[in-house]
Every structure is written in structure tokens, then in C-alpha cells.
C-alpha atoms as a PDB file:
ATOM      1  CA  MET A   1      50.351 -44.198 -37.989  1.00  0.00           C
ATOM      2  CA  ARG A   2      49.095 -47.564 -39.360  1.00  0.00           C
ATOM      3  CA  ALA A   3      48.579 -48.878 -35.644  1.00  0.00           C
ATOM      4  CA  ALA A   4      46.426 -45.771 -35.028  1.00  0.00           C
ATOM      5  CA  MET A   5      44.378 -46.246 -38.116  1.00  0.00           C
ATOM      6  CA  ARG A   6      43.855 -50.013 -37.190  1.00  0.00           C
ATOM      7  CA  GLY A   7      42.721 -49.086 -33.709  1.00  0.00           C
ATOM      8  CA  SER A   8      40.333 -46.377 -35.001  1.00  0.00           C
ATOM      9  CA  ARG A   9      38.988 -48.910 -37.544  1.00  0.00           C
ATOM     10  CA  LEU A  10      38.502 -51.519 -34.742  1.00  0.00           C
ATOM     11  CA  LEU A  11      36.751 -48.904 -32.517  1.00  0.00           C
ATOM     12  CA  GLY A  12      34.496 -48.054 -35.346  1.00  0.00           C
ATOM     13  CA  LEU A  13      33.438 -51.788 -35.957  1.00  0.00           C
ATOM     14  CA  VAL A  14      32.825 -52.354 -32.202  1.00  0.00           C
ATOM     15  CA  THR A  15      30.686 -49.205 -32.059  1.00  0.00           C
ATOM     16  CA  GLY A  16      28.702 -50.225 -35.276  1.00  0.00           C
ATOM     17  CA  ALA A  17      28.093 -53.682 -33.753  1.00  0.00           C
ATOM     18  CA  LEU A  18      26.723 -52.217 -30.538  1.00  0.00           C
ATOM     19  CA  VAL A  19      24.453 -49.770 -32.489  1.00  0.00           C
ATOM     20  CA  LEU A  20      23.162 -52.815 -34.557  1.00  0.00           C
ATOM     21  CA  THR A  21      22.567 -54.901 -31.458  1.00  0.00           C
ATOM     22  CA  MET A  22      20.554 -52.149 -29.731  1.00  0.00           C
ATOM     23  CA  ALA A  23      18.440 -51.649 -32.886  1.00  0.00           C
ATOM     24  CA  ILE A  24      17.644 -55.342 -33.238  1.00  0.00           C
ATOM     25  CA  ALA A  25      17.003 -56.090 -29.510  1.00  0.00           C
ATOM     26  CA  PRO A  26      13.408 -55.524 -28.486  1.00  0.00           C
ATOM     27  CA  PRO A  27      12.946 -52.735 -26.046  1.00  0.00           C
ATOM     28  CA  ALA A  28      12.454 -53.813 -22.391  1.00  0.00           C
ATOM     29  CA  ARG A  29       8.953 -53.071 -20.949  1.00  0.00           C
ATOM     30  CA  ALA A  30       9.398 -50.785 -18.030  1.00  0.00           C
ATOM     31  CA  GLN A  31       7.960 -52.183 -14.738  1.00  0.00           C
ATOM     32  CA  SER A  32       5.361 -49.669 -13.649  1.00  0.00           C
ATOM     33  CA  THR A  33       5.170 -48.800  -9.776  1.00  0.00           C
ATOM     34  CA  VAL A  34       2.207 -50.352  -8.185  1.00  0.00           C
ATOM     35  CA  THR A  35       1.341 -49.325  -4.638  1.00  0.00           C
ATOM     36  CA  ARG A  36      -0.849 -51.299  -2.168  1.00  0.00           C
ATOM     37  CA  ASP A  37      -3.291 -48.335  -1.831  1.00  0.00           C
ATOM     38  CA  ASP A  38      -3.760 -48.334  -5.667  1.00  0.00           C
ATOM     39  CA  ILE A  39      -4.759 -51.984  -5.475  1.00  0.00           C
ATOM     40  CA  ILE A  40      -7.148 -51.496  -2.657  1.00  0.00           C
ATOM     41  CA  ASN A  41      -8.827 -48.283  -4.054  1.00  0.00           C
ATOM     42  CA  LYS A  42      -9.750 -50.375  -7.231  1.00  0.00           C
ATOM     43  CA  LEU A  43     -10.760 -53.614  -5.531  1.00  0.00           C
ATOM     44  CA  ASN A  44     -12.358 -52.872  -2.145  1.00  0.00           C
ATOM     45  CA  HIS A  45     -15.917 -52.680  -3.154  1.00  0.00           C
ATOM     46  CA  LEU A  46     -18.492 -55.037  -4.819  1.00  0.00           C
ATOM     47  CA  ASP A  47     -22.015 -53.791  -5.485  1.00  0.00           C
ATOM     48  CA  ALA A  48     -23.398 -57.196  -6.383  1.00  0.00           C
ATOM     49  CA  ALA A  49     -21.638 -60.532  -6.550  1.00  0.00           C
ATOM     50  CA  PRO A  50     -21.886 -61.881 -10.293  1.00  0.00           C
ATOM     51  CA  THR A  51     -23.070 -65.286 -11.141  1.00  0.00           C
ATOM     52  CA  LEU A  52     -19.805 -66.760 -12.567  1.00  0.00           C
ATOM     53  CA  ASP A  53     -19.204 -70.405 -13.471  1.00  0.00           C
ATOM     54  CA  ILE A  54     -15.384 -70.374 -13.800  1.00  0.00           C
ATOM     55  CA  ALA A  55     -15.192 -74.128 -14.237  1.00  0.00           C
ATOM     56  CA  ALA A  56     -17.672 -73.802 -17.100  1.00  0.00           C
ATOM     57  CA  LEU A  57     -16.045 -70.845 -18.533  1.00  0.00           C
ATOM     58  CA  ARG A  58     -12.686 -72.439 -19.193  1.00  0.00           C
ATOM     59  CA  PRO A  59     -13.803 -75.140 -21.799  1.00  0.00           C
ATOM     60  CA  GLN A  60     -15.924 -72.368 -23.477  1.00  0.00           C
ATOM     61  CA  VAL A  61     -12.811 -70.137 -23.925  1.00  0.00           C
ATOM     62  CA  MET A  62     -10.746 -73.091 -25.293  1.00  0.00           C
ATOM     63  CA  GLU A  63     -13.493 -74.154 -27.635  1.00  0.00           C
ATOM     64  CA  ARG A  64     -13.874 -70.796 -29.157  1.00  0.00           C
ATOM     65  CA  SER A  65     -10.206 -70.407 -29.566  1.00  0.00           C
ATOM     66  CA  LYS A  66     -10.464 -73.384 -31.970  1.00  0.00           C
ATOM     67  CA  SER A  67     -12.672 -71.620 -34.346  1.00  0.00           C
ATOM     68  CA  ARG A  68     -11.588 -71.824 -37.947  1.00  0.00           C
ATOM     69  CA  GLY A  69     -14.678 -70.764 -39.903  1.00  0.00           C
ATOM     70  CA  ARG A  70     -14.475 -68.463 -42.854  1.00  0.00           C
ATOM     71  CA  ASN A  71     -16.786 -65.914 -41.191  1.00  0.00           C
ATOM     72  CA  GLU A  72     -14.621 -65.903 -37.989  1.00  0.00           C
ATOM     73  CA  PRO A  73     -14.147 -62.193 -37.251  1.00  0.00           C
ATOM     74  CA  PRO A  74     -10.619 -60.694 -36.836  1.00  0.00           C
ATOM     75  CA  PRO A  75      -9.200 -60.303 -33.289  1.00  0.00           C
ATOM     76  CA  GLN A  76     -10.301 -56.548 -33.123  1.00  0.00           C
ATOM     77  CA  LYS A  77     -13.902 -57.453 -33.889  1.00  0.00           C
ATOM     78  CA  ARG A  78     -14.481 -60.498 -31.625  1.00  0.00           C
ATOM     79  CA  PRO A  79     -17.059 -59.961 -28.965  1.00  0.00           C
ATOM     80  CA  PRO A  80     -15.806 -60.573 -25.331  1.00  0.00           C
ATOM     81  CA  ILE A  81     -16.381 -64.095 -24.271  1.00  0.00           C
ATOM     82  CA  ALA A  82     -17.068 -63.170 -20.639  1.00  0.00           C
ATOM     83  CA  PRO A  83     -18.764 -59.715 -20.779  1.00  0.00           C
ATOM     84  CA  ASP A  84     -19.843 -59.877 -17.250  1.00  0.00           C
ATOM     85  CA  LEU A  85     -16.321 -59.514 -15.993  1.00  0.00           C
ATOM     86  CA  ALA A  86     -16.279 -55.874 -17.176  1.00  0.00           C
ATOM     87  CA  SER A  87     -18.682 -54.849 -14.451  1.00  0.00           C
ATOM     88  CA  LEU A  88     -16.481 -56.156 -11.554  1.00  0.00           C
ATOM     89  CA  PRO A  89     -14.060 -54.074  -9.511  1.00  0.00           C
ATOM     90  CA  THR A  90     -10.682 -54.608 -11.416  1.00  0.00           C
ATOM     91  CA  PHE A  91      -7.061 -53.890 -11.098  1.00  0.00           C
ATOM     92  CA  ASN A  92      -4.974 -54.330 -14.248  1.00  0.00           C
ATOM     93  CA  VAL A  93      -1.190 -54.979 -13.578  1.00  0.00           C
ATOM     94  CA  ASP A  94       1.761 -55.537 -15.849  1.00  0.00           C
ATOM     95  CA  ILE A  95       3.552 -58.710 -14.669  1.00  0.00           C
ATOM     96  CA  GLN A  96       6.773 -59.565 -16.507  1.00  0.00           C
ATOM     97  CA  PHE A  97       7.129 -63.267 -17.599  1.00  0.00           C
ATOM     98  CA  ASP A  98       9.829 -65.157 -19.387  1.00  0.00           C
ATOM     99  CA  PRO A  99       8.848 -65.312 -23.058  1.00  0.00           C
ATOM    100  CA  ASP A 100       6.240 -67.841 -23.923  1.00  0.00           C
ATOM    101  CA  THR A 101       6.322 -69.303 -20.422  1.00  0.00           C
ATOM    102  CA  PRO A 102       4.414 -68.880 -17.079  1.00  0.00           C
ATOM    103  CA  VAL A 103       7.598 -68.169 -15.223  1.00  0.00           C
ATOM    104  CA  VAL A 104       7.281 -64.726 -13.490  1.00  0.00           C
ATOM    105  CA  ARG A 105      10.446 -62.579 -13.796  1.00  0.00           C
ATOM    106  CA  PRO A 106      12.239 -61.598 -10.580  1.00  0.00           C
ATOM    107  CA  GLU A 107      11.553 -57.769 -11.035  1.00  0.00           C
ATOM    108  CA  SER A 108       7.791 -58.615 -10.822  1.00  0.00           C
ATOM    109  CA  TYR A 109       7.848 -60.443  -7.473  1.00  0.00           C
ATOM    110  CA  GLU A 110       7.630 -57.144  -5.634  1.00  0.00           C
ATOM    111  CA  THR A 111       4.532 -56.226  -7.541  1.00  0.00           C
ATOM    112  CA  VAL A 112       2.907 -59.624  -6.634  1.00  0.00           C
ATOM    113  CA  GLY A 113       3.883 -59.045  -3.066  1.00  0.00           C
ATOM    114  CA  ARG A 114       2.047 -55.637  -3.058  1.00  0.00           C
ATOM    115  CA  ILE A 115      -1.058 -57.376  -4.332  1.00  0.00           C
ATOM    116  CA  ALA A 116      -0.765 -59.883  -1.436  1.00  0.00           C
ATOM    117  CA  ASP A 117      -0.429 -56.898   0.891  1.00  0.00           C
ATOM    118  CA  ALA A 118      -3.516 -55.398  -0.358  1.00  0.00           C
ATOM    119  CA  MET A 119      -5.509 -58.636   0.024  1.00  0.00           C
ATOM    120  CA  VAL A 120      -4.651 -58.928   3.714  1.00  0.00           C
ATOM    121  CA  GLN A 121      -5.601 -55.327   4.485  1.00  0.00           C
ATOM    122  CA  SER A 122      -8.547 -55.257   6.824  1.00  0.00           C
ATOM    123  CA  THR A 123     -10.986 -53.851   4.389  1.00  0.00           C
ATOM    124  CA  MET A 124     -10.126 -56.509   1.720  1.00  0.00           C
ATOM    125  CA  LEU A 125     -10.189 -59.638   3.992  1.00  0.00           C
ATOM    126  CA  PRO A 126     -13.903 -60.248   3.307  1.00  0.00           C
ATOM    127  CA  TYR A 127     -13.391 -60.601  -0.385  1.00  0.00           C
ATOM    128  CA  SER A 128     -12.290 -63.253  -2.793  1.00  0.00           C
ATOM    129  CA  PHE A 129     -10.737 -62.658  -6.171  1.00  0.00           C
ATOM    130  CA  LEU A 130     -10.317 -63.853  -9.803  1.00  0.00           C
ATOM    131  CA  ILE A 131      -6.948 -63.733 -11.515  1.00  0.00           C
ATOM    132  CA  VAL A 132      -7.490 -63.392 -15.298  1.00  0.00           C
ATOM    133  CA  GLY A 133      -4.722 -64.032 -17.773  1.00  0.00           C
ATOM    134  CA  HIS A 134      -4.545 -62.517 -21.224  1.00  0.00           C
ATOM    135  CA  ILE A 135      -2.208 -62.870 -24.213  1.00  0.00           C
ATOM    136  CA  GLU A 136      -1.775 -60.474 -27.199  1.00  0.00           C
ATOM    137  CA  SER A 137      -2.995 -61.804 -30.625  1.00  0.00           C
ATOM    138  CA  ASN A 138       0.096 -63.607 -31.913  1.00  0.00           C
ATOM    139  CA  GLY A 139       0.526 -67.230 -32.607  1.00  0.00           C
ATOM    140  CA  LYS A 140      -2.062 -69.978 -32.080  1.00  0.00           C
ATOM    141  CA  ARG A 141      -5.231 -68.997 -30.398  1.00  0.00           C
ATOM    142  CA  GLU A 142      -5.485 -72.148 -28.585  1.00  0.00           C
ATOM    143  CA  SER A 143      -1.792 -71.909 -27.398  1.00  0.00           C
ATOM    144  CA  ASN A 144      -2.469 -68.449 -26.085  1.00  0.00           C
ATOM    145  CA  VAL A 145      -5.488 -69.601 -23.916  1.00  0.00           C
ATOM    146  CA  ILE A 146      -3.326 -72.359 -22.353  1.00  0.00           C
ATOM    147  CA  LEU A 147      -0.477 -69.913 -21.687  1.00  0.00           C
ATOM    148  CA  SER A 148      -2.840 -67.350 -20.251  1.00  0.00           C
ATOM    149  CA  GLN A 149      -4.266 -69.969 -17.882  1.00  0.00           C
ATOM    150  CA  ARG A 150      -0.772 -71.172 -16.865  1.00  0.00           C
ATOM    151  CA  ARG A 151       0.270 -67.543 -16.215  1.00  0.00           C
ATOM    152  CA  ALA A 152      -3.011 -66.788 -14.117  1.00  0.00           C
ATOM    153  CA  ASP A 153      -2.198 -70.083 -12.203  1.00  0.00           C
ATOM    154  CA  SER A 154       1.393 -69.090 -11.598  1.00  0.00           C
ATOM    155  CA  ILE A 155       0.249 -65.793  -9.953  1.00  0.00           C
ATOM    156  CA  ARG A 156      -2.082 -67.740  -7.737  1.00  0.00           C
ATOM    157  CA  GLU A 157       0.684 -70.149  -6.671  1.00  0.00           C
ATOM    158  CA  ILE A 158       3.096 -67.262  -5.752  1.00  0.00           C
ATOM    159  CA  LEU A 159       0.250 -65.617  -3.831  1.00  0.00           C
ATOM    160  CA  VAL A 160      -0.613 -68.829  -1.933  1.00  0.00           C
ATOM    161  CA  ASN A 161       2.901 -70.425  -1.500  1.00  0.00           C
ATOM    162  CA  THR A 162       5.065 -67.301  -0.983  1.00  0.00           C
ATOM    163  CA  PHE A 163       2.799 -64.765   0.462  1.00  0.00           C
ATOM    164  CA  LYS A 164       0.330 -67.179   2.135  1.00  0.00           C
ATOM    165  CA  ILE A 165      -3.009 -65.944   0.778  1.00  0.00           C
ATOM    166  CA  SER A 166      -5.660 -68.528   1.412  1.00  0.00           C
ATOM    167  CA  THR A 167      -6.513 -70.725  -1.664  1.00  0.00           C
ATOM    168  CA  LYS A 168     -10.223 -70.226  -0.917  1.00  0.00           C
ATOM    169  CA  ARG A 169      -9.930 -66.476  -1.777  1.00  0.00           C
ATOM    170  CA  LEU A 170      -8.380 -67.086  -5.277  1.00  0.00           C
ATOM    171  CA  GLN A 171      -9.730 -68.437  -8.557  1.00  0.00           C
ATOM    172  CA  THR A 172      -8.138 -68.268 -11.987  1.00  0.00           C
ATOM    173  CA  ILE A 173      -9.118 -68.049 -15.660  1.00  0.00           C
ATOM    174  CA  GLY A 174      -7.137 -67.689 -18.772  1.00  0.00           C
ATOM    175  CA  LEU A 175      -8.864 -65.796 -21.634  1.00  0.00           C
ATOM    176  CA  GLY A 176      -5.945 -65.785 -24.101  1.00  0.00           C
ATOM    177  CA  GLU A 177      -6.809 -63.454 -26.874  1.00  0.00           C
ATOM    178  CA  GLU A 178     -10.630 -64.105 -26.674  1.00  0.00           C
ATOM    179  CA  GLN A 179     -11.138 -60.904 -24.606  1.00  0.00           C
ATOM    180  CA  LEU A 180      -8.557 -58.362 -25.630  1.00  0.00           C
ATOM    181  CA  LEU A 181      -7.829 -55.414 -23.171  1.00  0.00           C
ATOM    182  CA  ASP A 182      -7.144 -53.213 -26.224  1.00  0.00           C
ATOM    183  CA  PRO A 183      -9.206 -54.714 -29.096  1.00  0.00           C
ATOM    184  CA  ALA A 184      -8.155 -51.689 -31.541  1.00  0.00           C
ATOM    185  CA  ARG A 185      -4.382 -52.917 -31.083  1.00  0.00           C
ATOM    186  CA  PRO A 186      -4.488 -56.728 -30.940  1.00  0.00           C
ATOM    187  CA  THR A 187      -0.708 -57.246 -30.734  1.00  0.00           C
ATOM    188  CA  ALA A 188      -0.026 -54.393 -28.215  1.00  0.00           C
ATOM    189  CA  PRO A 189       1.777 -55.308 -25.005  1.00  0.00           C
ATOM    190  CA  VAL A 190      -1.014 -54.075 -22.970  1.00  0.00           C
ATOM    191  CA  ASN A 191      -3.026 -57.255 -24.048  1.00  0.00           C
ATOM    192  CA  GLN A 192      -0.753 -59.377 -21.819  1.00  0.00           C
ATOM    193  CA  GLN A 193      -1.681 -57.743 -18.577  1.00  0.00           C
ATOM    194  CA  ILE A 194      -2.974 -59.675 -15.596  1.00  0.00           C
ATOM    195  CA  GLN A 195      -6.266 -58.694 -14.110  1.00  0.00           C
ATOM    196  CA  ILE A 196      -7.160 -59.020 -10.481  1.00  0.00           C
ATOM    197  CA  MET A 197     -10.980 -58.793  -9.959  1.00  0.00           C
ATOM    198  CA  THR A 198     -13.137 -58.858  -6.821  1.00  0.00           C
ATOM    199  CA  ILE A 199     -15.852 -61.505  -7.341  1.00  0.00           C
ATOM    200  CA  ALA A 200     -17.521 -62.363  -4.061  1.00  0.00           C
ATOM    201  CA  LYS A 201     -17.745 -61.337  -0.421  1.00  0.00           C
ATOM    202  CA  LEU A 202     -16.984 -64.213   1.933  1.00  0.00           C
ATOM    203  CA  PRO A 203     -19.750 -65.094   4.657  1.00  0.00           C
ATOM    204  CA  GLU A 204     -19.264 -63.055   7.804  1.00  0.00           C
ATOM    205  CA  GLN A 205     -18.316 -65.148  10.778  1.00  0.00           C
ATOM    206  CA  SER A 206     -19.732 -64.554  14.217  1.00  0.00           C
ATOM    207  CA  GLU A 207     -17.072 -62.899  16.494  1.00  0.00           C
ATOM    208  CA  GLN A 208     -18.811 -64.473  19.473  1.00  0.00           C
ATOM    209  CA  PRO A 209     -17.135 -67.638  20.707  1.00  0.00           C
ATOM    210  CA  ALA A 210     -19.141 -70.700  20.649  1.00  0.00           C
ATOM    211  CA  GLN A 211     -20.786 -71.430  24.004  1.00  0.00           C
ATOM    212  CA  PRO A 212     -20.090 -74.822  25.514  1.00  0.00           C
ATOM    213  CA  ALA A 213     -23.152 -77.005  25.670  1.00  0.00           C
ATOM    214  CA  SER A 214     -24.798 -77.346  29.033  1.00  0.00           C
ATOM    215  CA  PRO A 215     -24.067 -80.413  30.885  1.00  0.00           C
ATOM    216  CA  PRO A 216     -27.224 -82.612  31.309  1.00  0.00           C
ATOM    217  CA  PRO A 217     -28.806 -82.420  34.748  1.00  0.00           C
ATOM    218  CA  ALA A 218     -27.508 -84.772  37.319  1.00  0.00           C
ATOM    219  CA  LYS A 219     -29.846 -87.618  38.128  1.00  0.00           C
ATOM    220  CA  LYS A 220     -31.061 -87.759  41.669  1.00  0.00           C
ATOM    221  CA  PRO A 221     -30.346 -90.795  43.469  1.00  0.00           C
ATOM    222  CA  ALA A 222     -33.301 -93.260  43.660  1.00  0.00           C
ATOM    223  CA  LYS A 223     -34.877 -93.325  47.188  1.00  0.00           C
ATOM    224  CA  LYS A 224     -34.394 -96.497  49.122  1.00  0.00           C
ATOM    225  CA  ARG A 225     -37.448 -98.385  49.883  1.00  0.00           C
END
């Protein structure tokens, strides 16, 4: 009888520990299903190429993230630092990273692969793209900008090194929390999504093979006198 009671008590302790662990552990974010056609439908058009200076934008983002003034607005009221991006064809995607790192989790490699599949589809080959990293409004703003840039760079490296997308077609920018995807909820997970944007159409190359240059006319032999 006592043995039965001890067994029942032990089972109750184990069950309680499992329930407590489940309550403490953060819920895993589900990996949404992304298809190649979803990506193509969002990105395969560009009405007008924007005038973007990505190299100049990066220090601007970092500089603003260091703002400490008393009149600095809260995250939900900050104006977007790159409003022109809102007019571009965009695909938002939920890529899973290891916490506070740019390391892409294995379950997201298939999603990155589908992005690559879309980029090499015939209607997408003329375009180049911008990979935009974002971070929710937690922690230091400067650190969030750095992490978002590293995550965007990480996606680019996978596309180039694993899926053989040309480096000429890909640029990156990390916006940290300076352009929240859901300003009303600054700490929501949606603010960590990666954005893929169509930013330019590559110059069309002639399909006609280059014609070899005509050989110079042969010189007539001089007449003997």
C-alpha cells in the first residue's frame, strides 16, 4: 500500500514538473508554408525602379538607432527611416534564427530554397533584389540594427553559396527596429520577419551572338618594275 502511495506521489511530481516546464517554455513559432508561386506573384513586377543608395542608408539607420534625446518618440511612433521601400514589390517571410544570432535554423532552409527557386524562374531572372532584416523592439536599438544586418547578410550568403544565386542580384540592409512591420505592436514576433524586395531590372542583353570582326583586306602584291 505504501509503495503504491509513493508511486502515485512520484507520478504526481513528474506530471507537475512537466506542466511547469510547458508553462515556462516559450511557444515555438510555427514555420508557415511558403510556395515558389507565392513569392513570384509578389515580386515579379516593378513599375519604376527606385533611387536607392543602400550604402548611404546603412550609416543613417545606425546613427538614428543611437538617438537618446528626451523628445525621442517611442517605437510605435517613430517614422519609417526608409519610406520609399514601402512602394516596392515585397514578400515578407518568417525565417527562424537561433536566438540573438544570425544563424538560420535548419527548418527554415527549405523556405530559403523556395526563395531561390523563385529567383531563377524565367520571369524573375531580369530582376535584382534587396533583403531587408528587422528586429522587434527589445534590447538596445544599436544592437538590433547590427543583428538585423547580420541576419540579412546570412540569408544572402545562403542564397549565393548554397543555391548559387548571383551576387550581382542581391543587396542587403538591416533596419533593426527603425522601421517596424507592425508599429502598433513593437515587440510582436512579426517584427522579426525578413523582407525580399524587387529593386531593379537588370539591363537586357542581346541574344544575338557577337559577329567576328572582318579581316583586313589582303594587300595586293606590288608590281615588279
